[in-house]
PDB file of N, CA and C in Angstrom:
ATOM      1  N   VAL A   1    -157.853-160.857  -0.332  1.00  0.00           N
ATOM      2  CA  VAL A   1    -157.402-161.710   0.859  1.00  0.00           C
ATOM      3  C   VAL A   1    -157.828-162.121   1.773  1.00  0.00           C
ATOM      4  N   VAL A   2    -158.108-163.163   2.292  1.00  0.00           N
ATOM      5  CA  VAL A   2    -158.758-163.476   3.479  1.00  0.00           C
ATOM      6  C   VAL A   2    -157.553-164.323   4.574  1.00  0.00           C
ATOM      7  N   VAL A   3    -157.708-163.605   5.850  1.00  0.00           N
ATOM      8  CA  VAL A   3    -156.702-163.903   6.576  1.00  0.00           C
ATOM      9  C   VAL A   3    -157.686-164.263   7.760  1.00  0.00           C
ATOM     10  N   LEU A   4    -157.502-165.763   8.318  1.00  0.00           N
ATOM     11  CA  LEU A   4    -158.095-166.072   9.439  1.00  0.00           C
ATOM     12  C   LEU A   4    -157.462-165.939  10.740  1.00  0.00           C
ATOM     13  N   ALA A   5    -157.939-165.698  11.674  1.00  0.00           N
ATOM     14  CA  ALA A   5    -157.302-165.401  12.915  1.00  0.00           C
ATOM     15  C   ALA A   5    -158.086-165.099  14.225  1.00  0.00           C
ATOM     16  N   ASP A   6    -157.693-165.418  15.318  1.00  0.00           N
ATOM     17  CA  ASP A   6    -158.554-165.597  16.849  1.00  0.00           C
ATOM     18  C   ASP A   6    -159.023-164.069  16.928  1.00  0.00           C
ATOM     19  N   GLU A   7    -158.129-162.955  16.635  1.00  0.00           N
ATOM     20  CA  GLU A   7    -158.702-161.633  16.636  1.00  0.00           C
ATOM     21  C   GLU A   7    -158.428-160.734  15.657  1.00  0.00           C
ATOM     22  N   TYR A   8    -159.291-159.329  15.902  1.00  0.00           N
ATOM     23  CA  TYR A   8    -158.690-158.720  14.402  1.00  0.00           C
ATOM     24  C   TYR A   8    -157.499-157.949  14.848  1.00  0.00           C
ATOM     25  N   PRO A   9    -156.685-157.381  13.707  1.00  0.00           N
ATOM     26  CA  PRO A   9    -155.662-156.935  14.015  1.00  0.00           C
ATOM     27  C   PRO A   9    -155.455-155.583  14.327  1.00  0.00           C
ATOM     28  N   THR A  10    -154.694-155.161  14.948  1.00  0.00           N
ATOM     29  CA  THR A  10    -154.668-153.729  15.417  1.00  0.00           C
ATOM     30  C   THR A  10    -154.707-152.613  14.020  1.00  0.00           C
ATOM     31  N   SER A  11    -155.516-151.656  14.088  1.00  0.00           N
ATOM     32  CA  SER A  11    -155.376-150.591  13.095  1.00  0.00           C
ATOM     33  C   SER A  11    -154.468-149.664  13.224  1.00  0.00           C
ATOM     34  N   ASP A  12    -154.019-149.270  12.145  1.00  0.00           N
ATOM     35  CA  ASP A  12    -153.187-148.046  12.407  1.00  0.00           C
ATOM     36  C   ASP A  12    -153.926-146.876  11.872  1.00  0.00           C
ATOM     37  N   GLY A  13    -155.110-146.878  12.078  1.00  0.00           N
ATOM     38  CA  GLY A  13    -155.838-145.596  11.981  1.00  0.00           C
ATOM     39  C   GLY A  13    -156.121-145.190  10.566  1.00  0.00           C
ATOM     40  N   ARG A  14    -155.798-145.682   9.518  1.00  0.00           N
ATOM     41  CA  ARG A  14    -155.971-145.107   8.319  1.00  0.00           C
ATOM     42  C   ARG A  14    -157.421-145.509   7.651  1.00  0.00           C
ATOM     43  N   ARG A  15    -157.837-144.991   7.076  1.00  0.00           N
ATOM     44  CA  ARG A  15    -159.432-145.566   6.424  1.00  0.00           C
ATOM     45  C   ARG A  15    -159.318-145.413   4.866  1.00  0.00           C
ATOM     46  N   ILE A  16    -159.982-146.422   4.440  1.00  0.00           N
ATOM     47  CA  ILE A  16    -160.247-146.717   3.073  1.00  0.00           C
ATOM     48  C   ILE A  16    -160.729-145.318   2.197  1.00  0.00           C
ATOM     49  N   SER A  17    -160.212-144.817   1.292  1.00  0.00           N
ATOM     50  CA  SER A  17    -160.966-143.842   0.566  1.00  0.00           C
ATOM     51  C   SER A  17    -162.071-144.775  -0.341  1.00  0.00           C
ATOM     52  N   GLY A  18    -162.617-143.703  -1.157  1.00  0.00           N
ATOM     53  CA  GLY A  18    -163.535-144.049  -1.808  1.00  0.00           C
ATOM     54  C   GLY A  18    -163.079-144.059  -3.377  1.00  0.00           C
ATOM     55  N   PRO A  19    -163.892-144.618  -4.379  1.00  0.00           N
ATOM     56  CA  PRO A  19    -163.561-144.475  -5.781  1.00  0.00           C
ATOM     57  C   PRO A  19    -162.808-143.304  -6.049  1.00  0.00           C
ATOM     58  N   THR A  20    -162.048-143.251  -6.975  1.00  0.00           N
ATOM     59  CA  THR A  20    -161.691-142.050  -8.085  1.00  0.00           C
ATOM     60  C   THR A  20    -162.725-141.550  -8.642  1.00  0.00           C
ATOM     61  N   GLU A  21    -163.056-140.238  -8.659  1.00  0.00           N
ATOM     62  CA  GLU A  21    -164.236-139.529  -9.500  1.00  0.00           C
ATOM     63  C   GLU A  21    -165.441-140.203  -9.193  1.00  0.00           C
ATOM     64  N   ALA A  22    -165.965-140.563  -7.904  1.00  0.00           N
ATOM     65  CA  ALA A  22    -166.963-141.402  -7.482  1.00  0.00           C
ATOM     66  C   ALA A  22    -168.440-140.290  -8.209  1.00  0.00           C
ATOM     67  N   ARG A  23    -169.444-141.268  -8.324  1.00  0.00           N
ATOM     68  CA  ARG A  23    -170.634-140.598  -8.893  1.00  0.00           C
ATOM     69  C   ARG A  23    -171.784-141.163  -8.058  1.00  0.00           C
ATOM     70  N   PRO A  24    -172.916-140.791  -7.954  1.00  0.00           N
ATOM     71  CA  PRO A  24    -174.114-141.841  -7.740  1.00  0.00           C
ATOM     72  C   PRO A  24    -173.990-142.784  -8.864  1.00  0.00           C
ATOM     73  N   SER A  25    -174.694-143.965  -8.132  1.00  0.00           N
ATOM     74  CA  SER A  25    -174.821-144.939  -8.942  1.00  0.00           C
ATOM     75  C   SER A  25    -176.452-144.918  -9.689  1.00  0.00           C
ATOM     76  N   ARG A  26    -176.168-145.360 -10.884  1.00  0.00           N
ATOM     77  CA  ARG A  26    -177.552-145.623 -11.576  1.00  0.00           C
ATOM     78  C   ARG A  26    -178.104-146.745 -11.210  1.00  0.00           C
ATOM     79  N   TRP A  27    -177.685-147.625 -10.608  1.00  0.00           N
ATOM     80  CA  TRP A  27    -178.246-149.253 -10.398  1.00  0.00           C
ATOM     81  C   TRP A  27    -178.903-149.126  -9.032  1.00  0.00           C
ATOM     82  N   THR A  28    -180.008-149.862  -8.921  1.00  0.00           N
ATOM     83  CA  THR A  28    -180.527-150.167  -7.683  1.00  0.00           C
ATOM     84  C   THR A  28    -180.477-151.837  -7.334  1.00  0.00           C
ATOM     85  N   SER A  29    -180.650-152.537  -6.527  1.00  0.00           N
ATOM     86  CA  SER A  29    -180.348-153.786  -6.403  1.00  0.00           C
ATOM     87  C   SER A  29    -181.503-154.427  -7.166  1.00  0.00           C
ATOM     88  N   ASP A  30    -182.969-153.946  -6.906  1.00  0.00           N
ATOM     89  CA  ASP A  30    -183.830-154.672  -8.182  1.00  0.00           C
ATOM     90  C   ASP A  30    -183.509-154.501  -9.285  1.00  0.00           C
ATOM     91  N   ARG A  31    -182.674-153.815  -9.956  1.00  0.00           N
ATOM     92  CA  ARG A  31    -182.445-153.741 -11.305  1.00  0.00           C
ATOM     93  C   ARG A  31    -181.172-154.661 -11.494  1.00  0.00           C
ATOM     94  N   LEU A  32    -180.663-154.586 -10.546  1.00  0.00           N
ATOM     95  CA  LEU A  32    -179.146-155.202 -10.907  1.00  0.00           C
ATOM     96  C   LEU A  32    -179.381-157.029 -10.916  1.00  0.00           C
ATOM     97  N   TYR A  33    -180.235-157.313  -9.930  1.00  0.00           N
ATOM     98  CA  TYR A  33    -180.762-158.948 -10.002  1.00  0.00           C
ATOM     99  C   TYR A  33    -181.412-159.262 -11.319  1.00  0.00           C
ATOM    100  N   ALA A  34    -182.180-158.033 -11.293  1.00  0.00           N
ATOM    101  CA  ALA A  34    -183.308-158.317 -12.742  1.00  0.00           C
ATOM    102  C   ALA A  34    -182.801-158.160 -13.917  1.00  0.00           C
ATOM    103  N   ASP A  35    -181.533-157.529 -14.149  1.00  0.00           N
ATOM    104  CA  ASP A  35    -181.037-157.127 -15.445  1.00  0.00           C
ATOM    105  C   ASP A  35    -179.768-157.856 -15.973  1.00  0.00           C
ATOM    106  N   VAL A  36    -178.723-158.184 -14.695  1.00  0.00           N
ATOM    107  CA  VAL A  36    -177.095-158.198 -14.848  1.00  0.00           C
ATOM    108  C   VAL A  36    -176.816-159.386 -14.428  1.00  0.00           C
ATOM    109  N   MET A  37    -177.548-159.844 -12.718  1.00  0.00           N
ATOM    110  CA  MET A  37    -176.793-160.756 -12.061  1.00  0.00           C
ATOM    111  C   MET A  37    -178.196-161.911 -11.973  1.00  0.00           C
ATOM    112  N   PHE A  38    -177.692-163.220 -12.076  1.00  0.00           N
ATOM    113  CA  PHE A  38    -178.475-164.352 -11.796  1.00  0.00           C
ATOM    114  C   PHE A  38    -179.003-164.984 -10.664  1.00  0.00           C
ATOM    115  N   HIS A  39    -178.770-164.252  -9.597  1.00  0.00           N
ATOM    116  CA  HIS A  39    -179.254-164.669  -8.268  1.00  0.00           C
ATOM    117  C   HIS A  39    -180.010-164.949  -7.878  1.00  0.00           C
ATOM    118  N   GLY A  40    -180.600-166.212  -7.184  1.00  0.00           N
ATOM    119  CA  GLY A  40    -181.939-166.366  -6.678  1.00  0.00           C
ATOM    120  C   GLY A  40    -181.789-165.472  -5.481  1.00  0.00           C
ATOM    121  N   PRO A  41    -183.004-165.249  -4.783  1.00  0.00           N
ATOM    122  CA  PRO A  41    -183.359-164.583  -3.434  1.00  0.00           C
ATOM    123  C   PRO A  41    -182.135-165.083  -2.319  1.00  0.00           C
ATOM    124  N   ALA A  42    -181.739-166.353  -2.236  1.00  0.00           N
ATOM    125  CA  ALA A  42    -180.997-166.663  -1.317  1.00  0.00           C
ATOM    126  C   ALA A  42    -179.678-166.069  -1.514  1.00  0.00           C
ATOM    127  N   TRP A  43    -179.088-165.807  -2.341  1.00  0.00           N
ATOM    128  CA  TRP A  43    -177.920-165.390  -2.914  1.00  0.00           C
ATOM    129  C   TRP A  43    -177.791-163.691  -3.202  1.00  0.00           C
ATOM    130  N   GLN A  44    -179.084-162.859  -2.855  1.00  0.00           N
ATOM    131  CA  GLN A  44    -179.051-161.319  -3.325  1.00  0.00           C
ATOM    132  C   GLN A  44    -178.290-160.433  -2.152  1.00  0.00           C
ATOM    133  N   GLY A  45    -177.108-160.612  -1.984  1.00  0.00           N
ATOM    134  CA  GLY A  45    -176.693-159.841  -0.668  1.00  0.00           C
ATOM    135  C   GLY A  45    -176.307-158.332  -1.248  1.00  0.00           C
ATOM    136  N   VAL A  46    -176.422-158.065  -2.300  1.00  0.00           N
ATOM    137  CA  VAL A  46    -176.198-156.750  -2.557  1.00  0.00           C
ATOM    138  C   VAL A  46    -177.317-155.946  -2.301  1.00  0.00           C
ATOM    139  N   LYS A  47    -177.566-154.915  -1.208  1.00  0.00           N
ATOM    140  CA  LYS A  47    -178.630-154.003  -1.113  1.00  0.00           C
ATOM    141  C   LYS A  47    -178.982-152.925  -1.608  1.00  0.00           C
ATOM    142  N   ALA A  48    -177.564-152.112  -1.765  1.00  0.00           N
ATOM    143  CA  ALA A  48    -177.687-151.127  -2.796  1.00  0.00           C
ATOM    144  C   ALA A  48    -176.128-150.718  -3.141  1.00  0.00           C
ATOM    145  N   ILE A  49    -176.543-150.204  -4.312  1.00  0.00           N
ATOM    146  CA  ILE A  49    -174.972-149.767  -4.755  1.00  0.00           C
ATOM    147  C   ILE A  49    -174.954-148.240  -5.008  1.00  0.00           C
ATOM    148  N   GLU A  50    -174.220-147.437  -3.990  1.00  0.00           N
ATOM    149  CA  GLU A  50    -174.329-145.966  -3.435  1.00  0.00           C
ATOM    150  C   GLU A  50    -173.520-144.991  -4.576  1.00  0.00           C
ATOM    151  N   SER A  51    -172.400-145.670  -4.718  1.00  0.00           N
ATOM    152  CA  SER A  51    -171.695-144.720  -5.773  1.00  0.00           C
ATOM    153  C   SER A  51    -170.559-145.529  -6.584  1.00  0.00           C
ATOM    154  N   THR A  52    -169.938-144.977  -7.692  1.00  0.00           N
ATOM    155  CA  THR A  52    -169.267-145.748  -8.523  1.00  0.00           C
ATOM    156  C   THR A  52    -168.370-145.286  -9.185  1.00  0.00           C
ATOM    157  N   GLY A  53    -166.969-145.385  -9.648  1.00  0.00           N
ATOM    158  CA  GLY A  53    -165.750-144.562  -9.717  1.00  0.00           C
ATOM    159  C   GLY A  53    -165.037-145.282 -10.872  1.00  0.00           C
ATOM    160  N   ARG A  54    -164.216-144.832 -11.285  1.00  0.00           N
ATOM    161  CA  ARG A  54    -163.060-145.251 -12.165  1.00  0.00           C
ATOM    162  C   ARG A  54    -162.378-146.426 -11.506  1.00  0.00           C
ATOM    163  N   ASP A  55    -162.313-146.465 -10.423  1.00  0.00           N
ATOM    164  CA  ASP A  55    -161.582-147.864  -9.907  1.00  0.00           C
ATOM    165  C   ASP A  55    -162.280-148.272  -8.498  1.00  0.00           C
ATOM    166  N   GLY A  56    -163.501-148.371  -8.513  1.00  0.00           N
ATOM    167  CA  GLY A  56    -164.306-148.952  -7.579  1.00  0.00           C
ATOM    168  C   GLY A  56    -165.658-148.563  -7.282  1.00  0.00           C
ATOM    169  N   ILE A  57    -166.156-149.279  -6.367  1.00  0.00           N
ATOM    170  CA  ILE A  57    -167.718-149.026  -6.132  1.00  0.00           C
ATOM    171  C   ILE A  57    -167.703-148.948  -4.429  1.00  0.00           C
ATOM    172  N   ILE A  58    -168.854-148.083  -4.210  1.00  0.00           N
ATOM    173  CA  ILE A  58    -169.127-148.254  -2.617  1.00  0.00           C
ATOM    174  C   ILE A  58    -170.564-148.923  -2.690  1.00  0.00           C
ATOM    175  N   ALA A  59    -170.745-149.950  -1.894  1.00  0.00           N
ATOM    176  CA  ALA A  59    -172.154-150.714  -1.999  1.00  0.00           C
ATOM    177  C   ALA A  59    -172.473-151.161  -0.730  1.00  0.00           C
ATOM    178  N   ARG A  60    -173.669-151.225  -0.281  1.00  0.00           N
ATOM    179  CA  ARG A  60    -173.985-151.655   0.978  1.00  0.00           C
ATOM    180  C   ARG A  60    -174.564-153.309   1.030  1.00  0.00           C
ATOM    181  N   LEU A  61    -173.900-154.119   1.691  1.00  0.00           N
ATOM    182  CA  LEU A  61    -174.412-155.665   1.301  1.00  0.00           C
ATOM    183  C   LEU A  61    -175.059-156.382   2.789  1.00  0.00           C
ATOM    184  N   GLU A  62    -175.759-157.190   2.646  1.00  0.00           N
ATOM    185  CA  GLU A  62    -176.487-157.584   4.004  1.00  0.00           C
ATOM    186  C   GLU A  62    -176.151-159.078   4.296  1.00  0.00           C
ATOM    187  N   ARG A  63    -176.055-159.219   5.068  1.00  0.00           N
ATOM    188  CA  ARG A  63    -175.587-160.807   5.738  1.00  0.00           C
ATOM    189  C   ARG A  63    -177.321-161.534   5.734  1.00  0.00           C
ATOM    190  N   LEU A  64    -177.186-162.504   4.865  1.00  0.00           N
ATOM    191  CA  LEU A  64    -178.538-163.365   4.751  1.00  0.00           C
ATOM    192  C   LEU A  64    -178.349-164.478   5.619  1.00  0.00           C
ATOM    193  N   PRO A  65    -179.450-165.219   6.195  1.00  0.00           N
ATOM    194  CA  PRO A  65    -179.384-166.330   6.559  1.00  0.00           C
ATOM    195  C   PRO A  65    -178.891-167.544   5.661  1.00  0.00           C
ATOM    196  N   ALA A  66    -178.447-168.542   6.198  1.00  0.00           N
ATOM    197  CA  ALA A  66    -177.626-169.676   5.285  1.00  0.00           C
ATOM    198  C   ALA A  66    -178.666-170.620   5.664  1.00  0.00           C
ATOM    199  N   ASP A  67    -179.685-170.779   6.330  1.00  0.00           N
ATOM    200  CA  ASP A  67    -180.622-172.154   6.372  1.00  0.00           C
ATOM    201  C   ASP A  67    -180.975-172.629   5.202  1.00  0.00           C
ATOM    202  N   ARG A  68    -181.232-171.736   4.261  1.00  0.00           N
ATOM    203  CA  ARG A  68    -181.968-172.082   3.025  1.00  0.00           C
ATOM    204  C   ARG A  68    -181.266-172.708   1.995  1.00  0.00           C
ATOM    205  N   PHE A  69    -179.877-173.152   2.532  1.00  0.00           N
ATOM    206  CA  PHE A  69    -178.800-173.712   1.477  1.00  0.00           C
ATOM    207  C   PHE A  69    -179.080-175.174   1.725  1.00  0.00           C
ATOM    208  N   PHE A  70    -179.691-175.896   2.576  1.00  0.00           N
ATOM    209  CA  PHE A  70    -180.031-177.296   2.643  1.00  0.00           C
ATOM    210  C   PHE A  70    -181.027-177.533   3.099  1.00  0.00           C
ATOM    211  N   ASP A  71    -181.543-178.837   2.679  1.00  0.00           N
ATOM    212  CA  ASP A  71    -182.996-179.224   2.518  1.00  0.00           C
ATOM    213  C   ASP A  71    -183.093-179.791   4.156  1.00  0.00           C
ATOM    214  N   ASP A  72    -182.648-180.241   4.900  1.00  0.00           N
ATOM    215  CA  ASP A  72    -182.710-180.454   6.276  1.00  0.00           C
ATOM    216  C   ASP A  72    -182.596-179.465   7.205  1.00  0.00           C
ATOM    217  N   ALA A  73    -182.941-179.724   8.627  1.00  0.00           N
ATOM    218  CA  ALA A  73    -182.919-178.525   9.483  1.00  0.00           C
ATOM    219  C   ALA A  73    -181.657-178.266   9.946  1.00  0.00           C
ATOM    220  N   MET A  74    -180.625-178.701   9.280  1.00  0.00           N
ATOM    221  CA  MET A  74    -179.202-178.407  10.027  1.00  0.00           C
ATOM    222  C   MET A  74    -178.901-176.938   9.350  1.00  0.00           C
ATOM    223  N   VAL A  75    -178.255-176.109  10.377  1.00  0.00           N
ATOM    224  CA  VAL A  75    -177.705-174.839   9.958  1.00  0.00           C
ATOM    225  C   VAL A  75    -176.174-174.838   9.503  1.00  0.00           C
ATOM    226  N   PRO A  76    -175.751-174.772   8.738  1.00  0.00           N
ATOM    227  CA  PRO A  76    -174.483-174.793   8.421  1.00  0.00           C
ATOM    228  C   PRO A  76    -173.556-174.029   9.296  1.00  0.00           C
ATOM    229  N   ASN A  77    -172.312-174.225   9.430  1.00  0.00           N
ATOM    230  CA  ASN A  77    -171.403-173.644  10.249  1.00  0.00           C
ATOM    231  C   ASN A  77    -169.997-172.975   9.349  1.00  0.00           C
ATOM    232  N   PHE A  78    -170.413-172.266   8.627  1.00  0.00           N
ATOM    233  CA  PHE A  78    -169.367-171.856   7.924  1.00  0.00           C
ATOM    234  C   PHE A  78    -168.077-171.037   8.103  1.00  0.00           C
ATOM    235  N   VAL A  79    -166.998-171.070   7.757  1.00  0.00           N
ATOM    236  CA  VAL A  79    -166.282-170.514   8.699  1.00  0.00           C
ATOM    237  C   VAL A  79    -165.972-168.868   7.896  1.00  0.00           C
ATOM    238  N   LEU A  80    -166.406-168.921   6.495  1.00  0.00           N
ATOM    239  CA  LEU A  80    -166.613-167.746   5.790  1.00  0.00           C
ATOM    240  C   LEU A  80    -167.981-167.557   5.154  1.00  0.00           C
ATOM    241  N   ASP A  81    -168.537-166.202   5.295  1.00  0.00           N
ATOM    242  CA  ASP A  81    -170.201-166.084   4.987  1.00  0.00           C
ATOM    243  C   ASP A  81    -170.113-166.345   3.212  1.00  0.00           C
ATOM    244  N   PRO A  82    -170.539-167.209   2.650  1.00  0.00           N
ATOM    245  CA  PRO A  82    -170.329-167.427   1.215  1.00  0.00           C
ATOM    246  C   PRO A  82    -171.162-166.527   0.671  1.00  0.00           C
ATOM    247  N   VAL A  83    -172.268-166.066   1.100  1.00  0.00           N
ATOM    248  CA  VAL A  83    -173.146-164.806   0.449  1.00  0.00           C
ATOM    249  C   VAL A  83    -172.224-163.553   0.498  1.00  0.00           C
ATOM    250  N   ALA A  84    -171.921-163.321   1.709  1.00  0.00           N
ATOM    251  CA  ALA A  84    -171.284-162.082   1.562  1.00  0.00           C
ATOM    252  C   ALA A  84    -169.604-162.053   0.917  1.00  0.00           C
ATOM    253  N   LEU A  85    -169.193-163.134   0.570  1.00  0.00           N
ATOM    254  CA  LEU A  85    -168.055-163.463  -0.362  1.00  0.00           C
ATOM    255  C   LEU A  85    -168.385-163.330  -1.749  1.00  0.00           C
ATOM    256  N   ASP A  86    -169.645-163.905  -2.113  1.00  0.00           N
ATOM    257  CA  ASP A  86    -170.134-163.495  -3.588  1.00  0.00           C
ATOM    258  C   ASP A  86    -170.542-162.468  -3.929  1.00  0.00           C
ATOM    259  N   ALA A  87    -171.220-161.585  -2.825  1.00  0.00           N
ATOM    260  CA  ALA A  87    -171.644-160.179  -3.006  1.00  0.00           C
ATOM    261  C   ALA A  87    -170.526-159.383  -3.243  1.00  0.00           C
ATOM    262  N   ALA A  88    -169.509-159.542  -2.448  1.00  0.00           N
ATOM    263  CA  ALA A  88    -168.010-158.749  -2.499  1.00  0.00           C
ATOM    264  C   ALA A  88    -167.431-158.668  -3.878  1.00  0.00           C
ATOM    265  N   GLY A  89    -167.645-160.128  -4.438  1.00  0.00           N
ATOM    266  CA  GLY A  89    -166.628-160.220  -5.407  1.00  0.00           C
ATOM    267  C   GLY A  89    -167.021-160.155  -6.926  1.00  0.00           C
TER     268      GLY A  89
END
């Protein structure tokens, strides 16, 4: 779910818990992109997969520059970060 708003909502103080039965990941970002995913350098936003579990993962994502998406000197003004959305999804 993506909610666009002028400001962040007020937090109720709860934190998102990690995946059930979490264990260290066997995947490095280098192996992930070499063996599983097809993305070139401009789209490689997953920097680490720290743990995996029955119902999710904990990963570290990096925001990448979008100036390589287009041939001209224009820097796009995206409403949502396409690389972050791809890496998370």
